[in-house]
Amino acid sequence: MVVMGVLVPVCVFGFGHGFYSRRIGRSRSNCGGGIVRYGLRITQMEGFKDVCCQTVGGESVSSSDGKQQLKENLGFSNHIADHHISGSERQNHLMTSTVGMSTNILWHDCPVGKVERQKLLGQKGCVIWITGLSGSGKSTLACALSRELHCQGFLTYVLDGDNVRHGLCQDLGFKQEDRAENIRRIGEVAKLFADAGIICIASLISPYRRDRDACRELLPQGTFIEVFMDMPLEICETRDSKGLYKLARAGKIKGFTGIDDPYEPPLNCEVTVEVKDGQCPSPVTMAKQVMLYLNDNDFLKD
């Protein structure tokens, strides 16, 4: 297959009325360069009974070698290439997966990937996860950071904890299991933004360490940037714009983080924003602190 003038190694095989393709080798469309090591053109004859193979460079491969190469590169078990299996069974074995409660699903790869999107945008997709107590300045930093990056020509999107609860997570409360699901959903959405090449800024209390760590595990290493708003509780209470701390102190709100529900601070966060000389940093100062990390780690270049 040729995509934008680049020969892409694929395996093509037919079942029933449809044809399916799967990448073979080290490269997909790779318009920006790289090495195509090999590719196999597979022709089905009587359900894998005979397999004709030819390398991209024109070098022929025996039927048995081709069949083995096919199985190894596509992860087939030995019985998958057996022509005695029916077409429908073979398709289910080769093409579908079970993830959680979802069965018979297929991951569909597109020729335009994260690398191509990042080159188009001139930046690297990542998730900046801002965590801390209510009133610690998470949303303030998220907006200031988004504005600074936007002014410099970088594409961002802010996932604010309260905003997300207006739609995607409106069915969730604030019990521990609901908070875990809220963070899981936001983590999955943030992963999609990062895969699109966008700098995603997630701003939410996310009090439990295990939930934040689970979101980190969703992303490629180094692309989850945890920012801890390390502000004393007394300062957060003085900023109580929604009056929630007062209600929690009066016992009218149960399970409020920092009062009767714990906040677990990060153990190895990438950035810590804290009080210096008794003064809270300004929004611009906080944003520049995070941007310094982004610059130092080459996120603001393709």
C-alpha atoms as a PDB file:
ATOM      1  CA  MET A   1       0.000   0.000   0.000  1.00  0.00           C
ATOM      2  CA  VAL A   2       1.269   3.506  -0.818  1.00  0.00           C
ATOM      3  CA  VAL A   3       0.403   6.384   1.532  1.00  0.00           C
ATOM      4  CA  MET A   4       1.641   9.860   0.556  1.00  0.00           C
ATOM      5  CA  GLY A   5       4.331   8.328  -1.649  1.00  0.00           C
ATOM      6  CA  VAL A   6       5.603   5.958   1.047  1.00  0.00           C
ATOM      7  CA  LEU A   7       5.387   2.190   0.665  1.00  0.00           C
ATOM      8  CA  VAL A   8       3.717   0.795   3.773  1.00  0.00           C
ATOM      9  CA  PRO A   9       4.297  -2.876   4.649  1.00  0.00           C
ATOM     10  CA  VAL A  10       0.955  -4.570   5.156  1.00  0.00           C
ATOM     11  CA  CYS A  11      -0.543  -8.000   5.219  1.00  0.00           C
ATOM     12  CA  VAL A  12      -3.738  -8.359   3.232  1.00  0.00           C
ATOM     13  CA  PHE A  13      -6.016 -11.314   3.676  1.00  0.00           C
ATOM     14  CA  GLY A  14      -9.610 -11.995   2.736  1.00  0.00           C
ATOM     15  CA  PHE A  15     -12.413 -13.663   4.625  1.00  0.00           C
ATOM     16  CA  GLY A  16     -15.919 -13.947   3.253  1.00  0.00           C
ATOM     17  CA  HIS A  17     -16.901 -10.691   1.567  1.00  0.00           C
ATOM     18  CA  GLY A  18     -14.343  -8.416   3.237  1.00  0.00           C
ATOM     19  CA  PHE A  19     -10.632  -7.824   3.241  1.00  0.00           C
ATOM     20  CA  TYR A  20      -8.611  -6.774   6.243  1.00  0.00           C
ATOM     21  CA  SER A  21      -5.108  -5.432   6.607  1.00  0.00           C
ATOM     22  CA  ARG A  22      -2.655  -5.504   9.453  1.00  0.00           C
ATOM     23  CA  ARG A  23       0.780  -3.909   9.720  1.00  0.00           C
ATOM     24  CA  ILE A  24       3.886  -6.088   9.407  1.00  0.00           C
ATOM     25  CA  GLY A  25       7.391  -4.884  10.212  1.00  0.00           C
ATOM     26  CA  ARG A  26       8.669  -1.931  12.211  1.00  0.00           C
ATOM     27  CA  SER A  27       6.936   0.876  10.366  1.00  0.00           C
ATOM     28  CA  ARG A  28       3.478   2.118   9.516  1.00  0.00           C
ATOM     29  CA  SER A  29       2.971   5.032   7.097  1.00  0.00           C
ATOM     30  CA  ASN A  30       5.995   6.795   8.627  1.00  0.00           C
ATOM     31  CA  CYS A  31       5.847   9.776   6.242  1.00  0.00           C
ATOM     32  CA  GLY A  32       8.609  11.476   8.201  1.00  0.00           C
ATOM     33  CA  GLY A  33      11.265   8.854   7.475  1.00  0.00           C
ATOM     34  CA  GLY A  34      12.402   5.657   9.132  1.00  0.00           C
ATOM     35  CA  ILE A  35      13.152   2.200   7.813  1.00  0.00           C
ATOM     36  CA  VAL A  36      10.776  -0.276   6.262  1.00  0.00           C
ATOM     37  CA  ARG A  37      12.486  -3.550   7.002  1.00  0.00           C
ATOM     38  CA  TYR A  38      10.204  -5.911   5.216  1.00  0.00           C
ATOM     39  CA  GLY A  39       6.628  -6.512   4.156  1.00  0.00           C
ATOM     40  CA  LEU A  40       4.653  -9.538   3.051  1.00  0.00           C
ATOM     41  CA  ARG A  41       1.949  -9.709   0.444  1.00  0.00           C
ATOM     42  CA  ILE A  42      -0.305 -12.595   1.376  1.00  0.00           C
ATOM     43  CA  THR A  43      -2.789 -14.158  -1.043  1.00  0.00           C
ATOM     44  CA  GLN A  44      -5.414 -16.452   0.462  1.00  0.00           C
ATOM     45  CA  MET A  45      -6.103 -19.702  -1.370  1.00  0.00           C
ATOM     46  CA  GLU A  46      -8.619 -22.077   0.182  1.00  0.00           C
ATOM     47  CA  GLY A  47      -8.328 -20.641   3.664  1.00  0.00           C
ATOM     48  CA  PHE A  48      -4.554 -20.521   4.130  1.00  0.00           C
ATOM     49  CA  LYS A  49      -4.041 -23.955   2.617  1.00  0.00           C
ATOM     50  CA  ASP A  50      -1.735 -22.294   0.118  1.00  0.00           C
ATOM     51  CA  VAL A  51      -0.074 -18.994   0.894  1.00  0.00           C
ATOM     52  CA  CYS A  52       1.901 -17.075  -1.698  1.00  0.00           C
ATOM     53  CA  CYS A  53       4.351 -14.592  -0.254  1.00  0.00           C
ATOM     54  CA  GLN A  54       6.525 -11.941  -1.797  1.00  0.00           C
ATOM     55  CA  THR A  55       8.744  -9.426  -0.076  1.00  0.00           C
ATOM     56  CA  VAL A  56       8.415  -5.724  -0.807  1.00  0.00           C
ATOM     57  CA  GLY A  57      11.785  -5.845  -2.532  1.00  0.00           C
ATOM     58  CA  GLY A  58      10.636  -8.657  -4.814  1.00  0.00           C
ATOM     59  CA  GLU A  59      12.392 -11.495  -2.992  1.00  0.00           C
ATOM     60  CA  SER A  60      10.261 -14.622  -2.951  1.00  0.00           C
ATOM     61  CA  VAL A  61       9.517 -16.570   0.213  1.00  0.00           C
ATOM     62  CA  SER A  62       8.339 -20.173   0.391  1.00  0.00           C
ATOM     63  CA  SER A  63       4.740 -20.887   1.332  1.00  0.00           C
ATOM     64  CA  SER A  64       5.652 -22.471   4.653  1.00  0.00           C
ATOM     65  CA  ASP A  65       8.027 -19.599   5.559  1.00  0.00           C
ATOM     66  CA  GLY A  66       5.398 -17.089   4.578  1.00  0.00           C
ATOM     67  CA  LYS A  67       2.761 -18.761   6.704  1.00  0.00           C
ATOM     68  CA  GLN A  68       5.087 -18.840   9.712  1.00  0.00           C
ATOM     69  CA  GLN A  69       6.105 -15.196   9.161  1.00  0.00           C
ATOM     70  CA  LEU A  70       2.435 -14.273   8.996  1.00  0.00           C
ATOM     71  CA  LYS A  71       1.661 -16.003  12.269  1.00  0.00           C
ATOM     72  CA  GLU A  72       4.660 -14.546  14.092  1.00  0.00           C
ATOM     73  CA  ASN A  73       4.067 -10.947  13.031  1.00  0.00           C
ATOM     74  CA  LEU A  74       0.315 -10.926  13.575  1.00  0.00           C
ATOM     75  CA  GLY A  75       0.463 -12.885  16.806  1.00  0.00           C
ATOM     76  CA  PHE A  76      -1.574 -15.818  15.513  1.00  0.00           C
ATOM     77  CA  SER A  77      -1.721 -19.004  17.518  1.00  0.00           C
ATOM     78  CA  ASN A  78      -0.772 -22.122  15.589  1.00  0.00           C
ATOM     79  CA  HIS A  79      -4.312 -23.273  14.911  1.00  0.00           C
ATOM     80  CA  ILE A  80      -5.419 -19.939  13.420  1.00  0.00           C
ATOM     81  CA  ALA A  81      -3.752 -20.678  10.076  1.00  0.00           C
ATOM     82  CA  ASP A  82      -5.401 -24.075   9.890  1.00  0.00           C
ATOM     83  CA  HIS A  83      -7.713 -24.102   6.880  1.00  0.00           C
ATOM     84  CA  HIS A  84     -10.163 -26.407   8.664  1.00  0.00           C
ATOM     85  CA  ILE A  85     -11.424 -23.466  10.828  1.00  0.00           C
ATOM     86  CA  SER A  86     -14.505 -21.805   9.391  1.00  0.00           C
ATOM     87  CA  GLY A  87     -14.301 -18.308   7.970  1.00  0.00           C
ATOM     88  CA  SER A  88     -16.409 -16.769  10.770  1.00  0.00           C
ATOM     89  CA  GLU A  89     -14.355 -18.463  13.488  1.00  0.00           C
ATOM     90  CA  ARG A  90     -11.127 -17.347  11.861  1.00  0.00           C
ATOM     91  CA  GLN A  91     -12.310 -13.750  11.633  1.00  0.00           C
ATOM     92  CA  ASN A  92     -13.270 -13.701  15.323  1.00  0.00           C
ATOM     93  CA  HIS A  93      -9.919 -15.161  16.332  1.00  0.00           C
ATOM     94  CA  LEU A  94      -7.900 -12.747  14.226  1.00  0.00           C
ATOM     95  CA  MET A  95      -9.782  -9.516  14.471  1.00  0.00           C
ATOM     96  CA  THR A  96     -11.636  -9.127  17.768  1.00  0.00           C
ATOM     97  CA  SER A  97     -10.749  -8.620  21.417  1.00  0.00           C
ATOM     98  CA  THR A  98     -12.382  -8.454  24.832  1.00  0.00           C
ATOM     99  CA  VAL A  99     -11.626  -5.414  26.998  1.00  0.00           C
ATOM    100  CA  GLY A 100     -13.416  -5.154  30.327  1.00  0.00           C
ATOM    101  CA  MET A 101     -17.098  -5.785  29.634  1.00  0.00           C
ATOM    102  CA  SER A 102     -16.732  -5.083  25.900  1.00  0.00           C
ATOM    103  CA  THR A 103     -16.543  -8.183  23.699  1.00  0.00           C
ATOM    104  CA  ASN A 104     -15.866  -8.728  19.992  1.00  0.00           C
ATOM    105  CA  ILE A 105     -14.238  -5.336  19.526  1.00  0.00           C
ATOM    106  CA  LEU A 106     -11.501  -4.376  17.093  1.00  0.00           C
ATOM    107  CA  TRP A 107      -8.822  -1.702  17.375  1.00  0.00           C
ATOM    108  CA  HIS A 108      -8.649   0.091  14.030  1.00  0.00           C
ATOM    109  CA  ASP A 109      -5.310   1.694  13.136  1.00  0.00           C
ATOM    110  CA  CYS A 110      -5.308   4.754  10.887  1.00  0.00           C
ATOM    111  CA  PRO A 111      -2.401   5.804   8.643  1.00  0.00           C
ATOM    112  CA  VAL A 112      -2.149   9.200  10.364  1.00  0.00           C
ATOM    113  CA  GLY A 113      -0.758   8.638  13.853  1.00  0.00           C
ATOM    114  CA  LYS A 114       0.428  10.621  16.855  1.00  0.00           C
ATOM    115  CA  VAL A 115       3.809  11.401  15.305  1.00  0.00           C
ATOM    116  CA  GLU A 116       2.189  12.906  12.202  1.00  0.00           C
ATOM    117  CA  ARG A 117      -0.249  14.957  14.293  1.00  0.00           C
ATOM    118  CA  GLN A 118       2.552  16.282  16.487  1.00  0.00           C
ATOM    119  CA  LYS A 119       4.540  17.339  13.433  1.00  0.00           C
ATOM    120  CA  LEU A 120       1.505  19.159  12.102  1.00  0.00           C
ATOM    121  CA  LEU A 121       1.042  21.030  15.392  1.00  0.00           C
ATOM    122  CA  GLY A 122       4.721  21.591  16.143  1.00  0.00           C
ATOM    123  CA  GLN A 123       4.379  20.290  19.706  1.00  0.00           C
ATOM    124  CA  LYS A 124       4.242  17.041  21.671  1.00  0.00           C
ATOM    125  CA  GLY A 125       1.016  15.758  23.129  1.00  0.00           C
ATOM    126  CA  CYS A 126       0.985  15.280  26.898  1.00  0.00           C
ATOM    127  CA  VAL A 127      -1.226  15.463  29.979  1.00  0.00           C
ATOM    128  CA  ILE A 128      -0.551  18.058  32.661  1.00  0.00           C
ATOM    129  CA  TRP A 129      -2.423  16.752  35.698  1.00  0.00           C
ATOM    130  CA  ILE A 130      -2.931  19.485  38.322  1.00  0.00           C
ATOM    131  CA  THR A 131      -3.900  18.079  41.713  1.00  0.00           C
ATOM    132  CA  GLY A 132      -4.452  19.601  45.146  1.00  0.00           C
ATOM    133  CA  LEU A 133      -7.007  20.635  47.736  1.00  0.00           C
ATOM    134  CA  SER A 134     -10.078  22.647  46.891  1.00  0.00           C
ATOM    135  CA  GLY A 135      -8.999  26.299  46.799  1.00  0.00           C
ATOM    136  CA  SER A 136      -5.333  25.502  46.165  1.00  0.00           C
ATOM    137  CA  GLY A 137      -5.340  27.281  42.786  1.00  0.00           C
ATOM    138  CA  LYS A 138      -5.705  24.376  40.346  1.00  0.00           C
ATOM    139  CA  SER A 139      -8.192  26.043  37.991  1.00  0.00           C
ATOM    140  CA  THR A 140      -6.335  29.337  38.229  1.00  0.00           C
ATOM    141  CA  LEU A 141      -3.102  27.668  37.129  1.00  0.00           C
ATOM    142  CA  ALA A 142      -4.865  25.669  34.404  1.00  0.00           C
ATOM    143  CA  CYS A 143      -6.353  28.787  32.828  1.00  0.00           C
ATOM    144  CA  ALA A 144      -3.151  30.836  33.175  1.00  0.00           C
ATOM    145  CA  LEU A 145      -1.068  28.032  31.666  1.00  0.00           C
ATOM    146  CA  SER A 146      -3.516  27.521  28.801  1.00  0.00           C
ATOM    147  CA  ARG A 147      -3.461  31.254  28.060  1.00  0.00           C
ATOM    148  CA  GLU A 148       0.345  31.478  28.094  1.00  0.00           C
ATOM    149  CA  LEU A 149       0.705  28.464  25.802  1.00  0.00           C
ATOM    150  CA  HIS A 150      -2.004  29.753  23.467  1.00  0.00           C
ATOM    151  CA  CYS A 151      -0.255  33.117  23.171  1.00  0.00           C
ATOM    152  CA  GLN A 152       2.896  31.290  22.092  1.00  0.00           C
ATOM    153  CA  GLY A 153       1.036  29.326  19.416  1.00  0.00           C
ATOM    154  CA  PHE A 154       0.501  26.002  21.188  1.00  0.00           C
ATOM    155  CA  LEU A 155      -2.781  24.075  21.177  1.00  0.00           C
ATOM    156  CA  THR A 156      -4.185  23.137  24.584  1.00  0.00           C
ATOM    157  CA  TYR A 157      -7.421  21.957  26.145  1.00  0.00           C
ATOM    158  CA  VAL A 158      -8.438  22.240  29.803  1.00  0.00           C
ATOM    159  CA  LEU A 159     -10.405  19.476  31.502  1.00  0.00           C
ATOM    160  CA  ASP A 160     -11.689  21.186  34.652  1.00  0.00           C
ATOM    161  CA  GLY A 161     -13.102  18.941  37.350  1.00  0.00           C
ATOM    162  CA  ASP A 162     -16.312  20.955  37.850  1.00  0.00           C
ATOM    163  CA  ASN A 163     -16.819  21.478  34.104  1.00  0.00           C
ATOM    164  CA  VAL A 164     -16.583  17.759  33.342  1.00  0.00           C
ATOM    165  CA  ARG A 165     -19.232  17.040  35.967  1.00  0.00           C
ATOM    166  CA  HIS A 166     -21.665  19.184  33.963  1.00  0.00           C
ATOM    167  CA  GLY A 167     -21.699  16.535  31.238  1.00  0.00           C
ATOM    168  CA  LEU A 168     -19.481  13.477  31.003  1.00  0.00           C
ATOM    169  CA  CYS A 169     -19.550  12.779  34.753  1.00  0.00           C
ATOM    170  CA  GLN A 170     -22.898  14.268  35.767  1.00  0.00           C
ATOM    171  CA  ASP A 171     -24.061  10.803  36.867  1.00  0.00           C
ATOM    172  CA  LEU A 172     -21.334  10.579  39.541  1.00  0.00           C
ATOM    173  CA  GLY A 173     -21.353  11.782  43.130  1.00  0.00           C
ATOM    174  CA  PHE A 174     -18.467  12.260  45.540  1.00  0.00           C
ATOM    175  CA  LYS A 175     -18.262   8.875  47.199  1.00  0.00           C
ATOM    176  CA  GLN A 176     -14.868   7.193  46.921  1.00  0.00           C
ATOM    177  CA  GLU A 177     -15.952   4.831  44.140  1.00  0.00           C
ATOM    178  CA  ASP A 178     -17.583   7.692  42.218  1.00  0.00           C
ATOM    179  CA  ARG A 179     -14.462   9.800  42.521  1.00  0.00           C
ATOM    180  CA  ALA A 180     -12.379   6.907  41.226  1.00  0.00           C
ATOM    181  CA  GLU A 181     -14.669   6.545  38.186  1.00  0.00           C
ATOM    182  CA  ASN A 182     -14.640  10.312  37.628  1.00  0.00           C
ATOM    183  CA  ILE A 183     -10.850  10.315  37.510  1.00  0.00           C
ATOM    184  CA  ARG A 184     -10.759   7.217  35.302  1.00  0.00           C
ATOM    185  CA  ARG A 185     -13.028   8.848  32.729  1.00  0.00           C
ATOM    186  CA  ILE A 186     -11.071  12.084  32.722  1.00  0.00           C
ATOM    187  CA  GLY A 187      -7.822  10.106  32.433  1.00  0.00           C
ATOM    188  CA  GLU A 188      -9.128   8.283  29.356  1.00  0.00           C
ATOM    189  CA  VAL A 189     -10.296  11.529  27.730  1.00  0.00           C
ATOM    190  CA  ALA A 190      -6.979  13.212  28.536  1.00  0.00           C
ATOM    191  CA  LYS A 191      -5.152  10.279  26.922  1.00  0.00           C
ATOM    192  CA  LEU A 192      -7.103  10.842  23.699  1.00  0.00           C
ATOM    193  CA  PHE A 193      -6.204  14.538  23.680  1.00  0.00           C
ATOM    194  CA  ALA A 194      -2.527  13.715  24.190  1.00  0.00           C
ATOM    195  CA  ASP A 195      -2.673  11.142  21.400  1.00  0.00           C
ATOM    196  CA  ALA A 196      -4.096  13.886  19.177  1.00  0.00           C
ATOM    197  CA  GLY A 197      -0.928  15.882  19.843  1.00  0.00           C
ATOM    198  CA  ILE A 198      -2.679  18.357  22.133  1.00  0.00           C
ATOM    199  CA  ILE A 199      -1.349  19.584  25.475  1.00  0.00           C
ATOM    200  CA  CYS A 200      -4.186  18.536  27.777  1.00  0.00           C
ATOM    201  CA  ILE A 201      -4.429  20.272  31.158  1.00  0.00           C
ATOM    202  CA  ALA A 202      -6.525  18.321  33.682  1.00  0.00           C
ATOM    203  CA  SER A 203      -7.439  20.248  36.812  1.00  0.00           C
ATOM    204  CA  LEU A 204      -9.180  18.362  39.606  1.00  0.00           C
ATOM    205  CA  ILE A 205      -8.666  17.478  43.263  1.00  0.00           C
ATOM    206  CA  SER A 206      -8.052  13.778  42.509  1.00  0.00           C
ATOM    207  CA  PRO A 207      -7.309  13.039  46.161  1.00  0.00           C
ATOM    208  CA  TYR A 208      -6.272   9.389  45.930  1.00  0.00           C
ATOM    209  CA  ARG A 209      -2.777   8.482  44.827  1.00  0.00           C
ATOM    210  CA  ARG A 210      -3.753   5.163  43.271  1.00  0.00           C
ATOM    211  CA  ASP A 211      -6.260   6.856  40.946  1.00  0.00           C
ATOM    212  CA  ARG A 212      -3.713   9.399  39.728  1.00  0.00           C
ATOM    213  CA  ASP A 213      -1.137   6.653  39.252  1.00  0.00           C
ATOM    214  CA  ALA A 214      -3.655   4.676  37.198  1.00  0.00           C
ATOM    215  CA  CYS A 215      -4.037   7.673  34.877  1.00  0.00           C
ATOM    216  CA  ARG A 216      -0.270   7.929  34.580  1.00  0.00           C
ATOM    217  CA  GLU A 217      -0.152   4.292  33.489  1.00  0.00           C
ATOM    218  CA  LEU A 218      -2.514   5.059  30.597  1.00  0.00           C
ATOM    219  CA  LEU A 219       0.062   7.239  28.872  1.00  0.00           C
ATOM    220  CA  PRO A 220       3.479   6.626  27.336  1.00  0.00           C
ATOM    221  CA  GLN A 221       6.316   7.102  29.796  1.00  0.00           C
ATOM    222  CA  GLY A 222       7.196  10.731  30.396  1.00  0.00           C
ATOM    223  CA  THR A 223       4.008  12.230  28.946  1.00  0.00           C
ATOM    224  CA  PHE A 224       2.038  12.431  32.220  1.00  0.00           C
ATOM    225  CA  ILE A 225       3.150  15.539  34.085  1.00  0.00           C
ATOM    226  CA  GLU A 226       1.828  15.683  37.637  1.00  0.00           C
ATOM    227  CA  VAL A 227       1.657  19.175  39.126  1.00  0.00           C
ATOM    228  CA  PHE A 228       1.052  19.295  42.882  1.00  0.00           C
ATOM    229  CA  MET A 229      -0.506  22.463  44.301  1.00  0.00           C
ATOM    230  CA  ASP A 230       1.131  22.217  47.710  1.00  0.00           C
ATOM    231  CA  MET A 231      -0.870  24.889  49.527  1.00  0.00           C
ATOM    232  CA  PRO A 232      -1.581  24.809  53.284  1.00  0.00           C
ATOM    233  CA  LEU A 233      -5.161  23.969  54.272  1.00  0.00           C
ATOM    234  CA  GLU A 234      -5.594  27.302  56.072  1.00  0.00           C
ATOM    235  CA  ILE A 235      -4.811  29.220  52.878  1.00  0.00           C
ATOM    236  CA  CYS A 236      -7.246  27.083  50.910  1.00  0.00           C
ATOM    237  CA  GLU A 237      -9.970  27.763  53.484  1.00  0.00           C
ATOM    238  CA  THR A 238      -9.473  31.527  53.204  1.00  0.00           C
ATOM    239  CA  ARG A 239     -10.073  31.212  49.454  1.00  0.00           C
ATOM    240  CA  ASP A 240     -13.344  29.326  50.015  1.00  0.00           C
ATOM    241  CA  SER A 241     -15.242  31.075  47.210  1.00  0.00           C
ATOM    242  CA  LYS A 242     -17.987  28.413  47.130  1.00  0.00           C
ATOM    243  CA  GLY A 243     -18.295  28.221  50.928  1.00  0.00           C
ATOM    244  CA  LEU A 244     -17.668  24.485  50.903  1.00  0.00           C
ATOM    245  CA  TYR A 245     -15.131  24.401  53.715  1.00  0.00           C
ATOM    246  CA  LYS A 246     -17.538  26.250  55.991  1.00  0.00           C
ATOM    247  CA  LEU A 247     -20.272  23.734  55.195  1.00  0.00           C
ATOM    248  CA  ALA A 248     -17.887  20.828  55.754  1.00  0.00           C
ATOM    249  CA  ARG A 249     -16.745  22.254  59.111  1.00  0.00           C
ATOM    250  CA  ALA A 250     -20.390  22.536  60.099  1.00  0.00           C
ATOM    251  CA  GLY A 251     -20.982  18.900  59.176  1.00  0.00           C
ATOM    252  CA  LYS A 252     -23.365  19.783  56.335  1.00  0.00           C
ATOM    253  CA  ILE A 253     -21.091  18.214  53.697  1.00  0.00           C
ATOM    254  CA  LYS A 254     -19.705  14.753  54.358  1.00  0.00           C
ATOM    255  CA  GLY A 255     -16.532  13.306  52.840  1.00  0.00           C
ATOM    256  CA  PHE A 256     -14.989  16.664  51.986  1.00  0.00           C
ATOM    257  CA  THR A 257     -11.320  16.392  51.054  1.00  0.00           C
ATOM    258  CA  GLY A 258      -9.031  17.884  53.684  1.00  0.00           C
ATOM    259  CA  ILE A 259     -11.702  17.917  56.398  1.00  0.00           C
ATOM    260  CA  ASP A 260     -13.174  14.449  56.877  1.00  0.00           C
ATOM    261  CA  ASP A 261     -11.719  12.739  53.821  1.00  0.00           C
ATOM    262  CA  PRO A 262      -7.970  12.405  53.183  1.00  0.00           C
ATOM    263  CA  TYR A 263      -5.862  13.953  50.461  1.00  0.00           C
ATOM    264  CA  GLU A 264      -2.855  11.825  49.489  1.00  0.00           C
ATOM    265  CA  PRO A 265      -0.074  14.060  48.156  1.00  0.00           C
ATOM    266  CA  PRO A 266       2.054  12.835  45.235  1.00  0.00           C
ATOM    267  CA  LEU A 267       5.279  11.054  46.065  1.00  0.00           C
ATOM    268  CA  ASN A 268       7.179  11.764  42.836  1.00  0.00           C
ATOM    269  CA  CYS A 269       5.426  14.568  40.986  1.00  0.00           C
ATOM    270  CA  GLU A 270       7.139  16.432  38.144  1.00  0.00           C
ATOM    271  CA  VAL A 271       6.279  19.949  39.387  1.00  0.00           C
ATOM    272  CA  THR A 272       5.439  21.295  42.854  1.00  0.00           C
ATOM    273  CA  VAL A 273       3.869  24.733  43.271  1.00  0.00           C
ATOM    274  CA  GLU A 274       4.205  26.021  46.818  1.00  0.00           C
ATOM    275  CA  VAL A 275       4.210  29.076  49.033  1.00  0.00           C
ATOM    276  CA  LYS A 276       7.528  30.970  49.095  1.00  0.00           C
ATOM    277  CA  ASP A 277       8.439  33.461  51.802  1.00  0.00           C
ATOM    278  CA  GLY A 278       4.849  33.398  52.994  1.00  0.00           C
ATOM    279  CA  GLN A 279       3.530  34.444  49.590  1.00  0.00           C
ATOM    280  CA  CYS A 280       1.500  32.442  47.122  1.00  0.00           C
ATOM    281  CA  PRO A 281       2.908  32.648  43.600  1.00  0.00           C
ATOM    282  CA  SER A 282       0.928  34.629  41.035  1.00  0.00           C
ATOM    283  CA  PRO A 283      -0.903  32.832  38.198  1.00  0.00           C
ATOM    284  CA  VAL A 284       1.732  33.968  35.690  1.00  0.00           C
ATOM    285  CA  THR A 285       4.568  32.766  37.933  1.00  0.00           C
ATOM    286  CA  MET A 286       2.912  29.362  38.345  1.00  0.00           C
ATOM    287  CA  ALA A 287       2.318  29.062  34.607  1.00  0.00           C
ATOM    288  CA  LYS A 288       5.942  29.926  33.828  1.00  0.00           C
ATOM    289  CA  GLN A 289       7.116  27.278  36.296  1.00  0.00           C
ATOM    290  CA  VAL A 290       5.198  24.590  34.400  1.00  0.00           C
ATOM    291  CA  MET A 291       6.257  25.975  31.015  1.00  0.00           C
ATOM    292  CA  LEU A 292       9.879  25.760  32.093  1.00  0.00           C
ATOM    293  CA  TYR A 293       9.379  22.040  32.658  1.00  0.00           C
ATOM    294  CA  LEU A 294       7.729  21.691  29.244  1.00  0.00           C
ATOM    295  CA  ASN A 295      10.590  23.530  27.550  1.00  0.00           C
ATOM    296  CA  ASP A 296      13.283  21.597  29.381  1.00  0.00           C
ATOM    297  CA  ASN A 297      11.677  18.308  28.339  1.00  0.00           C
ATOM    298  CA  ASP A 298      11.105  19.256  24.668  1.00  0.00           C
ATOM    299  CA  PHE A 299       7.305  19.223  24.725  1.00  0.00           C
ATOM    300  CA  LEU A 300       7.118  22.549  22.912  1.00  0.00           C
ATOM    301  CA  LYS A 301       8.713  21.262  19.730  1.00  0.00           C
ATOM    302  CA  ASP A 302       7.757  18.520  17.293  1.00  0.00           C
END
